[in-house]
Amino acid sequence: MMTIISAPGDLIVATKDGVDVRFAGVESIVDAPFSATEWLGKQGIRLHLEGIRSPETQRRDEHHIKEISQWANLRERDGAEAAGDAPAMPGQLVLGPVGADISDDLGTIYRWSAGQVAGSGTNWEATWVYLPEPPAAARFLRIDFTLDGEPTGKTCKVQLG
């Protein structure tokens, strides 16, 4: 079990294009996902982020609905190749650049392994998987949040076990 010891009071760890991003939790996981080139391990850390709903997110969701409709019409009229990929969900554009540098009190450095972002019309959520699993002797994780690879100045400390 992981317990948050310190975090920003509002849990806001980044702001991207006018949308605040909240730290929504961290947990140990079993069966970390595959990488395209290698099996990266069976246990790790899952970090959760959320985009905070606001008039800005609603505006982006409405715009995305229009983009999807236009894309679907083009796809139906001219075919899948002409239409190309579906427009990115607005949550992807905001949450995708938010990450974290994670370390522990033993000096273990965790690396990003996989992730998933969703967000259009409802909650905007991101889940990032970091490896390796914390060593049994580790007592704390330090999570330093980043935006486009640069520190945001927001940090969380989590007690392990």
C-alpha atoms as a PDB file:
ATOM      1  CA  MET A   1       0.000   0.000   0.000  1.00  0.00           C
ATOM      2  CA  MET A   2       1.203   3.517  -0.774  1.00  0.00           C
ATOM      3  CA  THR A   3       0.302   6.538   1.355  1.00  0.00           C
ATOM      4  CA  ILE A   4       0.750  10.134   0.227  1.00  0.00           C
ATOM      5  CA  ILE A   5       2.922  11.966   2.757  1.00  0.00           C
ATOM      6  CA  SER A   6       3.205  15.308   0.988  1.00  0.00           C
ATOM      7  CA  ALA A   7       1.671  16.802  -2.130  1.00  0.00           C
ATOM      8  CA  PRO A   8       0.481  20.176  -3.394  1.00  0.00           C
ATOM      9  CA  GLY A   9      -2.646  21.083  -1.411  1.00  0.00           C
ATOM     10  CA  ASP A  10      -4.855  21.169  -4.504  1.00  0.00           C
ATOM     11  CA  LEU A  11      -2.980  18.228  -6.126  1.00  0.00           C
ATOM     12  CA  ILE A  12      -2.440  20.360  -9.264  1.00  0.00           C
ATOM     13  CA  VAL A  13       0.923  19.275 -10.681  1.00  0.00           C
ATOM     14  CA  ALA A  14       0.894  20.921 -14.122  1.00  0.00           C
ATOM     15  CA  THR A  15      -1.072  23.266 -16.355  1.00  0.00           C
ATOM     16  CA  LYS A  16      -1.082  22.652 -20.102  1.00  0.00           C
ATOM     17  CA  ASP A  17      -2.755  25.095 -22.491  1.00  0.00           C
ATOM     18  CA  GLY A  18      -5.058  26.445 -19.787  1.00  0.00           C
ATOM     19  CA  VAL A  19      -6.066  23.048 -18.380  1.00  0.00           C
ATOM     20  CA  ASP A  20      -4.980  22.071 -14.876  1.00  0.00           C
ATOM     21  CA  VAL A  21      -3.737  18.519 -14.347  1.00  0.00           C
ATOM     22  CA  ARG A  22      -4.237  16.815 -11.004  1.00  0.00           C
ATOM     23  CA  PHE A  23      -2.241  14.007  -9.392  1.00  0.00           C
ATOM     24  CA  ALA A  24      -4.897  11.314  -8.918  1.00  0.00           C
ATOM     25  CA  GLY A  25      -2.898   8.553  -7.256  1.00  0.00           C
ATOM     26  CA  VAL A  26      -0.103   6.026  -7.446  1.00  0.00           C
ATOM     27  CA  GLU A  27      -0.126   2.281  -6.871  1.00  0.00           C
ATOM     28  CA  SER A  28       1.991  -0.839  -7.169  1.00  0.00           C
ATOM     29  CA  ILE A  29       0.974  -3.080 -10.038  1.00  0.00           C
ATOM     30  CA  VAL A  30       1.541  -6.632 -11.159  1.00  0.00           C
ATOM     31  CA  ASP A  31       1.801  -7.604 -14.834  1.00  0.00           C
ATOM     32  CA  ALA A  32       3.271  -4.416 -16.249  1.00  0.00           C
ATOM     33  CA  PRO A  33       2.552  -4.145 -19.988  1.00  0.00           C
ATOM     34  CA  PHE A  34       4.796  -5.277 -22.812  1.00  0.00           C
ATOM     35  CA  SER A  35       7.096  -2.924 -24.659  1.00  0.00           C
ATOM     36  CA  ALA A  36       7.342  -3.226 -28.415  1.00  0.00           C
ATOM     37  CA  THR A  37      10.832  -4.683 -28.122  1.00  0.00           C
ATOM     38  CA  GLU A  38      11.116  -6.367 -24.751  1.00  0.00           C
ATOM     39  CA  TRP A  39       9.343  -7.631 -21.681  1.00  0.00           C
ATOM     40  CA  LEU A  40      10.044  -4.907 -19.172  1.00  0.00           C
ATOM     41  CA  GLY A  41       9.041  -6.692 -15.987  1.00  0.00           C
ATOM     42  CA  LYS A  42       6.095  -8.007 -14.116  1.00  0.00           C
ATOM     43  CA  GLN A  43       5.760  -5.413 -11.378  1.00  0.00           C
ATOM     44  CA  GLY A  44       6.014  -1.665 -11.347  1.00  0.00           C
ATOM     45  CA  ILE A  45       4.279   1.574 -10.426  1.00  0.00           C
ATOM     46  CA  ARG A  46       1.118   3.002 -11.972  1.00  0.00           C
ATOM     47  CA  LEU A  47       0.712   6.794 -11.803  1.00  0.00           C
ATOM     48  CA  HIS A  48      -2.729   8.379 -12.361  1.00  0.00           C
ATOM     49  CA  LEU A  49      -3.400  11.908 -13.629  1.00  0.00           C
ATOM     50  CA  GLU A  50      -6.648  13.767 -14.383  1.00  0.00           C
ATOM     51  CA  GLY A  51      -7.475  16.869 -16.370  1.00  0.00           C
ATOM     52  CA  ILE A  52      -9.708  19.103 -14.262  1.00  0.00           C
ATOM     53  CA  ARG A  53     -13.060  19.795 -15.890  1.00  0.00           C
ATOM     54  CA  SER A  54     -13.621  23.443 -16.764  1.00  0.00           C
ATOM     55  CA  PRO A  55     -15.206  25.637 -19.429  1.00  0.00           C
ATOM     56  CA  GLU A  56     -11.953  25.179 -21.389  1.00  0.00           C
ATOM     57  CA  THR A  57     -12.213  21.373 -21.372  1.00  0.00           C
ATOM     58  CA  GLN A  58     -15.873  21.598 -22.365  1.00  0.00           C
ATOM     59  CA  ARG A  59     -14.975  23.911 -25.263  1.00  0.00           C
ATOM     60  CA  ARG A  60     -12.298  21.475 -26.408  1.00  0.00           C
ATOM     61  CA  ASP A  61     -14.677  18.532 -26.130  1.00  0.00           C
ATOM     62  CA  GLU A  62     -17.275  20.338 -28.255  1.00  0.00           C
ATOM     63  CA  HIS A  63     -14.629  21.186 -30.861  1.00  0.00           C
ATOM     64  CA  HIS A  64     -13.494  17.554 -30.892  1.00  0.00           C
ATOM     65  CA  ILE A  65     -17.046  16.330 -31.538  1.00  0.00           C
ATOM     66  CA  LYS A  66     -17.157  18.575 -34.622  1.00  0.00           C
ATOM     67  CA  GLU A  67     -13.728  17.326 -35.773  1.00  0.00           C
ATOM     68  CA  ILE A  68     -14.805  13.680 -35.372  1.00  0.00           C
ATOM     69  CA  SER A  69     -17.999  14.302 -37.321  1.00  0.00           C
ATOM     70  CA  GLN A  70     -16.063  15.952 -40.167  1.00  0.00           C
ATOM     71  CA  TRP A  71     -13.498  13.132 -40.140  1.00  0.00           C
ATOM     72  CA  ALA A  72     -16.236  10.468 -40.203  1.00  0.00           C
ATOM     73  CA  ASN A  73     -17.973  12.186 -43.127  1.00  0.00           C
ATOM     74  CA  LEU A  74     -14.692  12.402 -45.057  1.00  0.00           C
ATOM     75  CA  ARG A  75     -13.958   8.761 -44.292  1.00  0.00           C
ATOM     76  CA  GLU A  76     -17.375   7.684 -45.534  1.00  0.00           C
ATOM     77  CA  ARG A  77     -17.169   9.844 -48.640  1.00  0.00           C
ATOM     78  CA  ASP A  78     -13.525   9.359 -49.671  1.00  0.00           C
ATOM     79  CA  GLY A  79     -12.411   6.252 -47.767  1.00  0.00           C
ATOM     80  CA  ALA A  80     -10.203   5.474 -44.792  1.00  0.00           C
ATOM     81  CA  GLU A  81      -6.936   6.288 -46.539  1.00  0.00           C
ATOM     82  CA  ALA A  82      -8.101   9.746 -47.593  1.00  0.00           C
ATOM     83  CA  ALA A  83      -9.460  10.518 -44.126  1.00  0.00           C
ATOM     84  CA  GLY A  84      -6.320   9.425 -42.290  1.00  0.00           C
ATOM     85  CA  ASP A  85      -6.231   8.953 -38.548  1.00  0.00           C
ATOM     86  CA  ALA A  86      -9.042  10.137 -36.328  1.00  0.00           C
ATOM     87  CA  PRO A  87      -8.436  13.465 -34.604  1.00  0.00           C
ATOM     88  CA  ALA A  88      -6.674  13.120 -31.255  1.00  0.00           C
ATOM     89  CA  MET A  89      -8.844  13.324 -28.166  1.00  0.00           C
ATOM     90  CA  PRO A  90      -8.329  16.668 -26.431  1.00  0.00           C
ATOM     91  CA  GLY A  91      -7.284  14.860 -23.250  1.00  0.00           C
ATOM     92  CA  GLN A  92      -4.381  13.290 -25.144  1.00  0.00           C
ATOM     93  CA  LEU A  93      -3.059  16.677 -26.178  1.00  0.00           C
ATOM     94  CA  VAL A  94      -3.153  18.017 -22.613  1.00  0.00           C
ATOM     95  CA  LEU A  95      -2.211  14.973 -20.538  1.00  0.00           C
ATOM     96  CA  GLY A  96       0.287  13.382 -22.918  1.00  0.00           C
ATOM     97  CA  PRO A  97       3.045  15.923 -22.198  1.00  0.00           C
ATOM     98  CA  VAL A  98       2.667  15.568 -18.398  1.00  0.00           C
ATOM     99  CA  GLY A  99       5.043  13.050 -16.860  1.00  0.00           C
ATOM    100  CA  ALA A 100       7.119  12.421 -13.790  1.00  0.00           C
ATOM    101  CA  ASP A 101      10.632  11.697 -12.644  1.00  0.00           C
ATOM    102  CA  ILE A 102      10.323   9.064  -9.936  1.00  0.00           C
ATOM    103  CA  SER A 103      13.003   7.987  -7.465  1.00  0.00           C
ATOM    104  CA  ASP A 104      13.119   6.402  -4.023  1.00  0.00           C
ATOM    105  CA  ASP A 105      15.114   6.774  -0.826  1.00  0.00           C
ATOM    106  CA  LEU A 106      17.548   4.075  -2.011  1.00  0.00           C
ATOM    107  CA  GLY A 107      18.396   5.971  -5.190  1.00  0.00           C
ATOM    108  CA  THR A 108      16.420   3.732  -7.544  1.00  0.00           C
ATOM    109  CA  ILE A 109      15.495   5.566 -10.737  1.00  0.00           C
ATOM    110  CA  TYR A 110      12.227   4.512 -12.354  1.00  0.00           C
ATOM    111  CA  ARG A 111      11.721   4.655 -16.102  1.00  0.00           C
ATOM    112  CA  TRP A 112       8.518   5.265 -18.005  1.00  0.00           C
ATOM    113  CA  SER A 113       7.387   2.027 -19.648  1.00  0.00           C
ATOM    114  CA  ALA A 114       3.889   2.489 -21.003  1.00  0.00           C
ATOM    115  CA  GLY A 115       0.852   4.657 -20.752  1.00  0.00           C
ATOM    116  CA  GLN A 116      -2.698   5.320 -21.737  1.00  0.00           C
ATOM    117  CA  VAL A 117      -4.596   8.581 -22.125  1.00  0.00           C
ATOM    118  CA  ALA A 118      -8.299   9.093 -22.643  1.00  0.00           C
ATOM    119  CA  GLY A 119     -10.363  12.201 -22.652  1.00  0.00           C
ATOM    120  CA  SER A 120     -13.200  13.425 -24.759  1.00  0.00           C
ATOM    121  CA  GLY A 121     -16.627  14.373 -23.506  1.00  0.00           C
ATOM    122  CA  THR A 122     -16.069  12.982 -20.008  1.00  0.00           C
ATOM    123  CA  ASN A 123     -13.121  12.714 -17.650  1.00  0.00           C
ATOM    124  CA  TRP A 124      -9.667  13.276 -19.044  1.00  0.00           C
ATOM    125  CA  GLU A 125      -7.389  10.632 -17.529  1.00  0.00           C
ATOM    126  CA  ALA A 126      -3.835   9.399 -17.998  1.00  0.00           C
ATOM    127  CA  THR A 127      -2.179   6.320 -16.564  1.00  0.00           C
ATOM    128  CA  TRP A 128       1.585   5.942 -16.768  1.00  0.00           C
ATOM    129  CA  VAL A 129       3.506   2.779 -15.868  1.00  0.00           C
ATOM    130  CA  TYR A 130       7.035   3.084 -14.470  1.00  0.00           C
ATOM    131  CA  LEU A 131       9.535   0.292 -13.858  1.00  0.00           C
ATOM    132  CA  PRO A 132      11.087  -1.384 -11.927  1.00  0.00           C
ATOM    133  CA  GLU A 133       9.043  -2.260  -8.880  1.00  0.00           C
ATOM    134  CA  PRO A 134      10.274  -0.544  -5.717  1.00  0.00           C
ATOM    135  CA  PRO A 135      12.887  -2.615  -3.857  1.00  0.00           C
ATOM    136  CA  ALA A 136      11.593  -4.219  -0.652  1.00  0.00           C
ATOM    137  CA  ALA A 137      13.908  -2.013   1.455  1.00  0.00           C
ATOM    138  CA  ALA A 138      12.657   1.257  -0.098  1.00  0.00           C
ATOM    139  CA  ARG A 139      10.516   3.342   2.234  1.00  0.00           C
ATOM    140  CA  PHE A 140       9.554   6.373   0.114  1.00  0.00           C
ATOM    141  CA  LEU A 141       8.931   7.408  -3.480  1.00  0.00           C
ATOM    142  CA  ARG A 142       9.565  10.935  -4.671  1.00  0.00           C
ATOM    143  CA  ILE A 143       7.514  12.004  -7.692  1.00  0.00           C
ATOM    144  CA  ASP A 144       8.721  15.151  -9.457  1.00  0.00           C
ATOM    145  CA  PHE A 145       6.227  16.136 -12.130  1.00  0.00           C
ATOM    146  CA  THR A 146       7.254  17.319 -15.578  1.00  0.00           C
ATOM    147  CA  LEU A 147       5.617  19.080 -18.506  1.00  0.00           C
ATOM    148  CA  ASP A 148       7.183  18.529 -21.915  1.00  0.00           C
ATOM    149  CA  GLY A 149      10.153  16.999 -20.069  1.00  0.00           C
ATOM    150  CA  GLU A 150      10.757  20.088 -17.901  1.00  0.00           C
ATOM    151  CA  PRO A 151      10.132  20.156 -14.122  1.00  0.00           C
ATOM    152  CA  THR A 152       6.890  21.831 -13.030  1.00  0.00           C
ATOM    153  CA  GLY A 153       8.209  22.419  -9.515  1.00  0.00           C
ATOM    154  CA  LYS A 154       5.485  20.163  -8.093  1.00  0.00           C
ATOM    155  CA  THR A 155       6.534  17.146  -6.028  1.00  0.00           C
ATOM    156  CA  CYS A 156       4.753  14.369  -4.139  1.00  0.00           C
ATOM    157  CA  LYS A 157       6.264  12.092  -1.551  1.00  0.00           C
ATOM    158  CA  VAL A 158       4.697   8.667  -1.015  1.00  0.00           C
ATOM    159  CA  GLN A 159       5.360   6.161   1.758  1.00  0.00           C
ATOM    160  CA  LEU A 160       5.726   2.565   0.583  1.00  0.00           C
ATOM    161  CA  GLY A 161       4.392  -0.481   2.431  1.00  0.00           C
END
